[in-house]
Amino acid sequence: MTATNDAPDPSAPAQDRWQHIEDRLAAIELRIRDQSTAALTTLDTHLARLDALRRRLATQPWPPQGPDTPGSPDRRPCPSA
């Protein structure tokens, strides 16, 4: 192999070149598997958060009623008004 890149040495036997290709493919497969697992974990996390939000919105009254709701009787006027 040369010192400047990951390409096989052209003077190496054919078996060595094929082995290099197989090694690179195995490394790519491992990287794809790792990245896919990470992506699926992230998706699962976001889907769980969305499901929790959906459940919370489905069980709360609409429109929301509380002291911070605009127009609610408990809302105090602004001090500058």
PDB file of N, CA and C in Angstrom:
ATOM      1  N   MET A   1       0.837  -1.180   0.000  1.00  0.00           N
ATOM      2  CA  MET A   1       0.000   0.000   0.000  1.00  0.00           C
ATOM      3  C   MET A   1       0.881   1.242   0.000  1.00  0.00           C
ATOM      4  N   THR A   2       0.308   2.305  -0.488  1.00  0.00           N
ATOM      5  CA  THR A   2       1.051   3.550  -0.473  1.00  0.00           C
ATOM      6  C   THR A   2       0.789   4.280   0.830  1.00  0.00           C
ATOM      7  N   ALA A   3       1.650   5.218   1.145  1.00  0.00           N
ATOM      8  CA  ALA A   3       1.516   5.946   2.400  1.00  0.00           C
ATOM      9  C   ALA A   3       0.505   7.075   2.304  1.00  0.00           C
ATOM     10  N   THR A   4       0.123   7.478   1.087  1.00  0.00           N
ATOM     11  CA  THR A   4      -0.743   8.646   0.934  1.00  0.00           C
ATOM     12  C   THR A   4      -2.227   8.317   0.862  1.00  0.00           C
ATOM     13  N   ASN A   5      -2.597   7.095   0.548  1.00  0.00           N
ATOM     14  CA  ASN A   5      -4.018   6.754   0.479  1.00  0.00           C
ATOM     15  C   ASN A   5      -4.248   5.308   0.902  1.00  0.00           C
ATOM     16  N   ASP A   6      -5.488   4.888   0.812  1.00  0.00           N
ATOM     17  CA  ASP A   6      -5.848   3.549   1.266  1.00  0.00           C
ATOM     18  C   ASP A   6      -5.956   2.564   0.103  1.00  0.00           C
ATOM     19  N   ALA A   7      -5.461   2.939  -1.048  1.00  0.00           N
ATOM     20  CA  ALA A   7      -5.532   2.073  -2.223  1.00  0.00           C
ATOM     21  C   ALA A   7      -4.476   0.974  -2.133  1.00  0.00           C
ATOM     22  N   PRO A   8      -4.797  -0.211  -2.648  1.00  0.00           N
ATOM     23  CA  PRO A   8      -3.803  -1.289  -2.623  1.00  0.00           C
ATOM     24  C   PRO A   8      -2.657  -1.011  -3.600  1.00  0.00           C
ATOM     25  N   ASP A   9      -1.521  -1.565  -3.299  1.00  0.00           N
ATOM     26  CA  ASP A   9      -0.347  -1.421  -4.157  1.00  0.00           C
ATOM     27  C   ASP A   9      -0.592  -2.200  -5.444  1.00  0.00           C
ATOM     28  N   PRO A  10      -0.426  -1.551  -6.622  1.00  0.00           N
ATOM     29  CA  PRO A  10      -0.684  -2.261  -7.883  1.00  0.00           C
ATOM     30  C   PRO A  10       0.248  -3.448  -8.115  1.00  0.00           C
ATOM     31  N   SER A  11       1.387  -3.474  -7.465  1.00  0.00           N
ATOM     32  CA  SER A  11       2.305  -4.595  -7.666  1.00  0.00           C
ATOM     33  C   SER A  11       1.974  -5.773  -6.744  1.00  0.00           C
ATOM     34  N   ALA A  12       1.001  -5.603  -5.839  1.00  0.00           N
ATOM     35  CA  ALA A  12       0.623  -6.691  -4.925  1.00  0.00           C
ATOM     36  C   ALA A  12      -0.138  -7.766  -5.688  1.00  0.00           C
ATOM     37  N   PRO A  13      -0.089  -8.999  -5.209  1.00  0.00           N
ATOM     38  CA  PRO A  13      -0.818 -10.078  -5.871  1.00  0.00           C
ATOM     39  C   PRO A  13      -2.327  -9.811  -5.858  1.00  0.00           C
ATOM     40  N   ALA A  14      -3.027 -10.437  -6.776  1.00  0.00           N
ATOM     41  CA  ALA A  14      -4.469 -10.226  -6.925  1.00  0.00           C
ATOM     42  C   ALA A  14      -5.219 -10.590  -5.639  1.00  0.00           C
ATOM     43  N   GLN A  15      -4.781 -11.639  -4.965  1.00  0.00           N
ATOM     44  CA  GLN A  15      -5.454 -12.048  -3.720  1.00  0.00           C
ATOM     45  C   GLN A  15      -5.387 -10.948  -2.665  1.00  0.00           C
ATOM     46  N   ASP A  16      -4.260 -10.262  -2.563  1.00  0.00           N
ATOM     47  CA  ASP A  16      -4.124  -9.162  -1.607  1.00  0.00           C
ATOM     48  C   ASP A  16      -5.058  -8.015  -1.954  1.00  0.00           C
ATOM     49  N   ARG A  17      -5.187  -7.735  -3.247  1.00  0.00           N
ATOM     50  CA  ARG A  17      -6.087  -6.655  -3.661  1.00  0.00           C
ATOM     51  C   ARG A  17      -7.532  -7.014  -3.327  1.00  0.00           C
ATOM     52  N   TRP A  18      -7.925  -8.258  -3.572  1.00  0.00           N
ATOM     53  CA  TRP A  18      -9.294  -8.682  -3.248  1.00  0.00           C
ATOM     54  C   TRP A  18      -9.527  -8.651  -1.742  1.00  0.00           C
ATOM     55  N   GLN A  19      -8.532  -9.034  -0.991  1.00  0.00           N
ATOM     56  CA  GLN A  19      -8.664  -8.994   0.465  1.00  0.00           C
ATOM     57  C   GLN A  19      -8.864  -7.559   0.949  1.00  0.00           C
ATOM     58  N   HIS A  20      -8.133  -6.642   0.341  1.00  0.00           N
ATOM     59  CA  HIS A  20      -8.292  -5.230   0.691  1.00  0.00           C
ATOM     60  C   HIS A  20      -9.727  -4.768   0.398  1.00  0.00           C
ATOM     61  N   ILE A  21     -10.257  -5.153  -0.749  1.00  0.00           N
ATOM     62  CA  ILE A  21     -11.631  -4.785  -1.111  1.00  0.00           C
ATOM     63  C   ILE A  21     -12.625  -5.387  -0.120  1.00  0.00           C
ATOM     64  N   GLU A  22     -12.449  -6.645   0.222  1.00  0.00           N
ATOM     65  CA  GLU A  22     -13.343  -7.300   1.185  1.00  0.00           C
ATOM     66  C   GLU A  22     -13.264  -6.629   2.560  1.00  0.00           C
ATOM     67  N   ASP A  23     -12.067  -6.249   2.973  1.00  0.00           N
ATOM     68  CA  ASP A  23     -11.910  -5.563   4.257  1.00  0.00           C
ATOM     69  C   ASP A  23     -12.623  -4.210   4.253  1.00  0.00           C
ATOM     70  N   ARG A  24     -12.489  -3.484   3.157  1.00  0.00           N
ATOM     71  CA  ARG A  24     -13.159  -2.181   3.054  1.00  0.00           C
ATOM     72  C   ARG A  24     -14.678  -2.353   3.058  1.00  0.00           C
ATOM     73  N   LEU A  25     -15.183  -3.363   2.365  1.00  0.00           N
ATOM     74  CA  LEU A  25     -16.629  -3.616   2.355  1.00  0.00           C
ATOM     75  C   LEU A  25     -17.135  -3.983   3.748  1.00  0.00           C
ATOM     76  N   ALA A  26     -16.372  -4.770   4.469  1.00  0.00           N
ATOM     77  CA  ALA A  26     -16.762  -5.131   5.836  1.00  0.00           C
ATOM     78  C   ALA A  26     -16.791  -3.894   6.732  1.00  0.00           C
ATOM     79  N   ALA A  27     -15.825  -3.003   6.561  1.00  0.00           N
ATOM     80  CA  ALA A  27     -15.802  -1.768   7.350  1.00  0.00           C
ATOM     81  C   ALA A  27     -16.993  -0.877   7.008  1.00  0.00           C
ATOM     82  N   ILE A  28     -17.335  -0.795   5.729  1.00  0.00           N
ATOM     83  CA  ILE A  28     -18.494  -0.002   5.307  1.00  0.00           C
ATOM     84  C   ILE A  28     -19.776  -0.602   5.872  1.00  0.00           C
ATOM     85  N   GLU A  29     -19.902  -1.920   5.826  1.00  0.00           N
ATOM     86  CA  GLU A  29     -21.081  -2.581   6.369  1.00  0.00           C
ATOM     87  C   GLU A  29     -21.232  -2.301   7.868  1.00  0.00           C
ATOM     88  N   LEU A  30     -20.142  -2.363   8.591  1.00  0.00           N
ATOM     89  CA  LEU A  30     -20.179  -2.086  10.028  1.00  0.00           C
ATOM     90  C   LEU A  30     -20.583  -0.643  10.300  1.00  0.00           C
ATOM     91  N   ARG A  31     -20.042   0.287   9.523  1.00  0.00           N
ATOM     92  CA  ARG A  31     -20.381   1.700   9.696  1.00  0.00           C
ATOM     93  C   ARG A  31     -21.855   1.946   9.387  1.00  0.00           C
ATOM     94  N   ILE A  32     -22.369   1.325   8.327  1.00  0.00           N
ATOM     95  CA  ILE A  32     -23.788   1.463   7.981  1.00  0.00           C
ATOM     96  C   ILE A  32     -24.654   0.896   9.086  1.00  0.00           C
ATOM     97  N   ARG A  33     -24.280  -0.251   9.634  1.00  0.00           N
ATOM     98  CA  ARG A  33     -25.060  -0.869  10.711  1.00  0.00           C
ATOM     99  C   ARG A  33     -25.081   0.029  11.952  1.00  0.00           C
ATOM    100  N   ASP A  34     -23.938   0.591  12.303  1.00  0.00           N
ATOM    101  CA  ASP A  34     -23.860   1.483  13.466  1.00  0.00           C
ATOM    102  C   ASP A  34     -24.703   2.743  13.263  1.00  0.00           C
ATOM    103  N   GLN A  35     -24.597   3.346  12.088  1.00  0.00           N
ATOM    104  CA  GLN A  35     -25.355   4.563  11.822  1.00  0.00           C
ATOM    105  C   GLN A  35     -26.850   4.277  11.738  1.00  0.00           C
ATOM    106  N   SER A  36     -27.224   3.139  11.188  1.00  0.00           N
ATOM    107  CA  SER A  36     -28.642   2.766  11.120  1.00  0.00           C
ATOM    108  C   SER A  36     -29.208   2.553  12.513  1.00  0.00           C
ATOM    109  N   THR A  37     -28.445   1.902  13.366  1.00  0.00           N
ATOM    110  CA  THR A  37     -28.896   1.682  14.736  1.00  0.00           C
ATOM    111  C   THR A  37     -29.081   3.007  15.458  1.00  0.00           C
ATOM    112  N   ALA A  38     -28.148   3.915  15.280  1.00  0.00           N
ATOM    113  CA  ALA A  38     -28.254   5.233  15.918  1.00  0.00           C
ATOM    114  C   ALA A  38     -29.461   5.999  15.382  1.00  0.00           C
ATOM    115  N   ALA A  39     -29.691   5.934  14.080  1.00  0.00           N
ATOM    116  CA  ALA A  39     -30.834   6.628  13.484  1.00  0.00           C
ATOM    117  C   ALA A  39     -32.148   6.044  13.986  1.00  0.00           C
ATOM    118  N   LEU A  40     -32.240   4.727  14.072  1.00  0.00           N
ATOM    119  CA  LEU A  40     -33.465   4.092  14.563  1.00  0.00           C
ATOM    120  C   LEU A  40     -33.719   4.430  16.029  1.00  0.00           C
ATOM    121  N   THR A  41     -32.664   4.504  16.821  1.00  0.00           N
ATOM    122  CA  THR A  41     -32.808   4.883  18.229  1.00  0.00           C
ATOM    123  C   THR A  41     -33.331   6.308  18.344  1.00  0.00           C
ATOM    124  N   THR A  42     -32.796   7.202  17.529  1.00  0.00           N
ATOM    125  CA  THR A  42     -33.261   8.592  17.533  1.00  0.00           C
ATOM    126  C   THR A  42     -34.718   8.676  17.109  1.00  0.00           C
ATOM    127  N   LEU A  43     -35.071   7.952  16.070  1.00  0.00           N
ATOM    128  CA  LEU A  43     -36.470   7.943  15.620  1.00  0.00           C
ATOM    129  C   LEU A  43     -37.402   7.404  16.698  1.00  0.00           C
ATOM    130  N   ASP A  44     -37.008   6.328  17.349  1.00  0.00           N
ATOM    131  CA  ASP A  44     -37.828   5.770  18.429  1.00  0.00           C
ATOM    132  C   ASP A  44     -38.029   6.781  19.550  1.00  0.00           C
ATOM    133  N   THR A  45     -36.980   7.509  19.886  1.00  0.00           N
ATOM    134  CA  THR A  45     -37.082   8.525  20.938  1.00  0.00           C
ATOM    135  C   THR A  45     -38.063   9.619  20.542  1.00  0.00           C
ATOM    136  N   HIS A  46     -37.951  10.104  19.324  1.00  0.00           N
ATOM    137  CA  HIS A  46     -38.847  11.172  18.867  1.00  0.00           C
ATOM    138  C   HIS A  46     -40.287  10.674  18.751  1.00  0.00           C
ATOM    139  N   LEU A  47     -40.466   9.462  18.286  1.00  0.00           N
ATOM    140  CA  LEU A  47     -41.822   8.922  18.188  1.00  0.00           C
ATOM    141  C   LEU A  47     -42.450   8.747  19.567  1.00  0.00           C
ATOM    142  N   ALA A  48     -41.660   8.350  20.538  1.00  0.00           N
ATOM    143  CA  ALA A  48     -42.179   8.209  21.902  1.00  0.00           C
ATOM    144  C   ALA A  48     -42.581   9.576  22.456  1.00  0.00           C
ATOM    145  N   ARG A  49     -41.781  10.599  22.184  1.00  0.00           N
ATOM    146  CA  ARG A  49     -42.136  11.948  22.642  1.00  0.00           C
ATOM    147  C   ARG A  49     -43.405  12.435  21.967  1.00  0.00           C
ATOM    148  N   LEU A  50     -43.536  12.182  20.664  1.00  0.00           N
ATOM    149  CA  LEU A  50     -44.752  12.570  19.958  1.00  0.00           C
ATOM    150  C   LEU A  50     -45.969  11.828  20.493  1.00  0.00           C
ATOM    151  N   ASP A  51     -45.809  10.551  20.799  1.00  0.00           N
ATOM    152  CA  ASP A  51     -46.916   9.769  21.348  1.00  0.00           C
ATOM    153  C   ASP A  51     -47.330  10.300  22.717  1.00  0.00           C
ATOM    154  N   ALA A  52     -46.361  10.662  23.547  1.00  0.00           N
ATOM    155  CA  ALA A  52     -46.682  11.232  24.862  1.00  0.00           C
ATOM    156  C   ALA A  52     -47.404  12.564  24.703  1.00  0.00           C
ATOM    157  N   LEU A  53     -46.972  13.382  23.761  1.00  0.00           N
ATOM    158  CA  LEU A  53     -47.635  14.653  23.508  1.00  0.00           C
ATOM    159  C   LEU A  53     -49.059  14.430  23.010  1.00  0.00           C
ATOM    160  N   ARG A  54     -49.227  13.464  22.110  1.00  0.00           N
ATOM    161  CA  ARG A  54     -50.561  13.148  21.593  1.00  0.00           C
ATOM    162  C   ARG A  54     -51.484  12.709  22.717  1.00  0.00           C
ATOM    163  N   ARG A  55     -50.977  11.852  23.589  1.00  0.00           N
ATOM    164  CA  ARG A  55     -51.802  11.395  24.717  1.00  0.00           C
ATOM    165  C   ARG A  55     -52.165  12.547  25.642  1.00  0.00           C
ATOM    166  N   ARG A  56     -51.194  13.417  25.903  1.00  0.00           N
ATOM    167  CA  ARG A  56     -51.464  14.544  26.789  1.00  0.00           C
ATOM    168  C   ARG A  56     -52.503  15.475  26.175  1.00  0.00           C
ATOM    169  N   LEU A  57     -52.377  15.742  24.891  1.00  0.00           N
ATOM    170  CA  LEU A  57     -53.349  16.610  24.218  1.00  0.00           C
ATOM    171  C   LEU A  57     -54.732  15.955  24.135  1.00  0.00           C
ATOM    172  N   ALA A  58     -54.765  14.643  24.030  1.00  0.00           N
ATOM    173  CA  ALA A  58     -56.048  13.943  23.930  1.00  0.00           C
ATOM    174  C   ALA A  58     -56.794  13.919  25.262  1.00  0.00           C
ATOM    175  N   THR A  59     -56.086  14.040  26.385  1.00  0.00           N
ATOM    176  CA  THR A  59     -56.739  13.942  27.680  1.00  0.00           C
ATOM    177  C   THR A  59     -56.991  15.291  28.328  1.00  0.00           C
ATOM    178  N   GLN A  60     -56.419  16.359  27.818  1.00  0.00           N
ATOM    179  CA  GLN A  60     -56.634  17.681  28.397  1.00  0.00           C
ATOM    180  C   GLN A  60     -57.845  18.348  27.757  1.00  0.00           C
ATOM    181  N   PRO A  61     -58.537  19.211  28.503  1.00  0.00           N
ATOM    182  CA  PRO A  61     -59.657  19.932  27.905  1.00  0.00           C
ATOM    183  C   PRO A  61     -59.159  20.935  26.857  1.00  0.00           C
ATOM    184  N   TRP A  62     -60.036  21.184  25.910  1.00  0.00           N
ATOM    185  CA  TRP A  62     -59.683  22.148  24.875  1.00  0.00           C
ATOM    186  C   TRP A  62     -60.773  23.168  24.770  1.00  0.00           C
ATOM    187  N   PRO A  63     -60.511  24.405  24.722  1.00  0.00           N
ATOM    188  CA  PRO A  63     -59.202  25.025  24.836  1.00  0.00           C
ATOM    189  C   PRO A  63     -58.679  24.931  26.252  1.00  0.00           C
ATOM    190  N   PRO A  64     -57.364  25.028  26.412  1.00  0.00           N
ATOM    191  CA  PRO A  64     -56.793  24.909  27.753  1.00  0.00           C
ATOM    192  C   PRO A  64     -57.378  25.962  28.699  1.00  0.00           C
ATOM    193  N   GLN A  65     -57.629  25.565  29.917  1.00  0.00           N
ATOM    194  CA  GLN A  65     -58.152  26.478  30.934  1.00  0.00           C
ATOM    195  C   GLN A  65     -57.126  26.582  32.047  1.00  0.00           C
ATOM    196  N   GLY A  66     -56.725  27.766  32.366  1.00  0.00           N
ATOM    197  CA  GLY A  66     -55.759  27.945  33.430  1.00  0.00           C
ATOM    198  C   GLY A  66     -55.432  29.404  33.605  1.00  0.00           C
ATOM    199  N   PRO A  67     -54.648  29.730  34.613  1.00  0.00           N
ATOM    200  CA  PRO A  67     -54.334  31.129  34.891  1.00  0.00           C
ATOM    201  C   PRO A  67     -53.540  31.810  33.780  1.00  0.00           C
ATOM    202  N   ASP A  68     -52.826  31.041  32.969  1.00  0.00           N
ATOM    203  CA  ASP A  68     -52.020  31.648  31.908  1.00  0.00           C
ATOM    204  C   ASP A  68     -52.748  31.705  30.575  1.00  0.00           C
ATOM    205  N   THR A  69     -54.011  31.274  30.543  1.00  0.00           N
ATOM    206  CA  THR A  69     -54.762  31.270  29.299  1.00  0.00           C
ATOM    207  C   THR A  69     -55.272  32.683  29.025  1.00  0.00           C
ATOM    208  N   PRO A  70     -55.029  33.222  27.843  1.00  0.00           N
ATOM    209  CA  PRO A  70     -55.533  34.555  27.545  1.00  0.00           C
ATOM    210  C   PRO A  70     -57.057  34.604  27.696  1.00  0.00           C
ATOM    211  N   GLY A  71     -57.551  35.632  28.367  1.00  0.00           N
ATOM    212  CA  GLY A  71     -58.988  35.797  28.533  1.00  0.00           C
ATOM    213  C   GLY A  71     -59.561  35.067  29.720  1.00  0.00           C
ATOM    214  N   SER A  72     -58.743  34.319  30.455  1.00  0.00           N
ATOM    215  CA  SER A  72     -59.279  33.609  31.614  1.00  0.00           C
ATOM    216  C   SER A  72     -59.531  34.605  32.745  1.00  0.00           C
ATOM    217  N   PRO A  73     -60.525  34.357  33.609  1.00  0.00           N
ATOM    218  CA  PRO A  73     -60.848  35.313  34.662  1.00  0.00           C
ATOM    219  C   PRO A  73     -59.727  35.514  35.676  1.00  0.00           C
ATOM    220  N   ASP A  74     -58.826  34.557  35.824  1.00  0.00           N
ATOM    221  CA  ASP A  74     -57.745  34.676  36.798  1.00  0.00           C
ATOM    222  C   ASP A  74     -56.584  35.514  36.274  1.00  0.00           C
ATOM    223  N   ARG A  75     -56.629  35.889  35.033  1.00  0.00           N
ATOM    224  CA  ARG A  75     -55.514  36.631  34.433  1.00  0.00           C
ATOM    225  C   ARG A  75     -55.504  38.060  34.972  1.00  0.00           C
ATOM    226  N   ARG A  76     -54.364  38.491  35.418  1.00  0.00           N
ATOM    227  CA  ARG A  76     -54.232  39.833  35.968  1.00  0.00           C
ATOM    228  C   ARG A  76     -53.829  40.799  34.856  1.00  0.00           C
ATOM    229  N   PRO A  77     -54.277  42.037  34.935  1.00  0.00           N
ATOM    230  CA  PRO A  77     -53.862  43.006  33.906  1.00  0.00           C
ATOM    231  C   PRO A  77     -52.382  43.339  34.044  1.00  0.00           C
ATOM    232  N   CYS A  78     -51.805  43.774  32.975  1.00  0.00           N
ATOM    233  CA  CYS A  78     -50.395  44.152  32.968  1.00  0.00           C
ATOM    234  C   CYS A  78     -50.195  45.350  33.894  1.00  0.00           C
ATOM    235  N   PRO A  79     -49.078  45.443  34.597  1.00  0.00           N
ATOM    236  CA  PRO A  79     -48.838  46.563  35.517  1.00  0.00           C
ATOM    237  C   PRO A  79     -48.766  47.908  34.802  1.00  0.00           C
ATOM    238  N   SER A  80     -48.371  47.916  33.535  1.00  0.00           N
ATOM    239  CA  SER A  80     -48.248  49.173  32.805  1.00  0.00           C
ATOM    240  C   SER A  80     -49.603  49.685  32.321  1.00  0.00           C
ATOM    241  N   ALA A  81     -50.660  48.879  32.391  1.00  0.00           N
ATOM    242  CA  ALA A  81     -51.977  49.293  31.878  1.00  0.00           C
ATOM    243  C   ALA A  81     -52.745  50.106  32.883  1.00  0.00           C
TER     244      ALA A  81
END
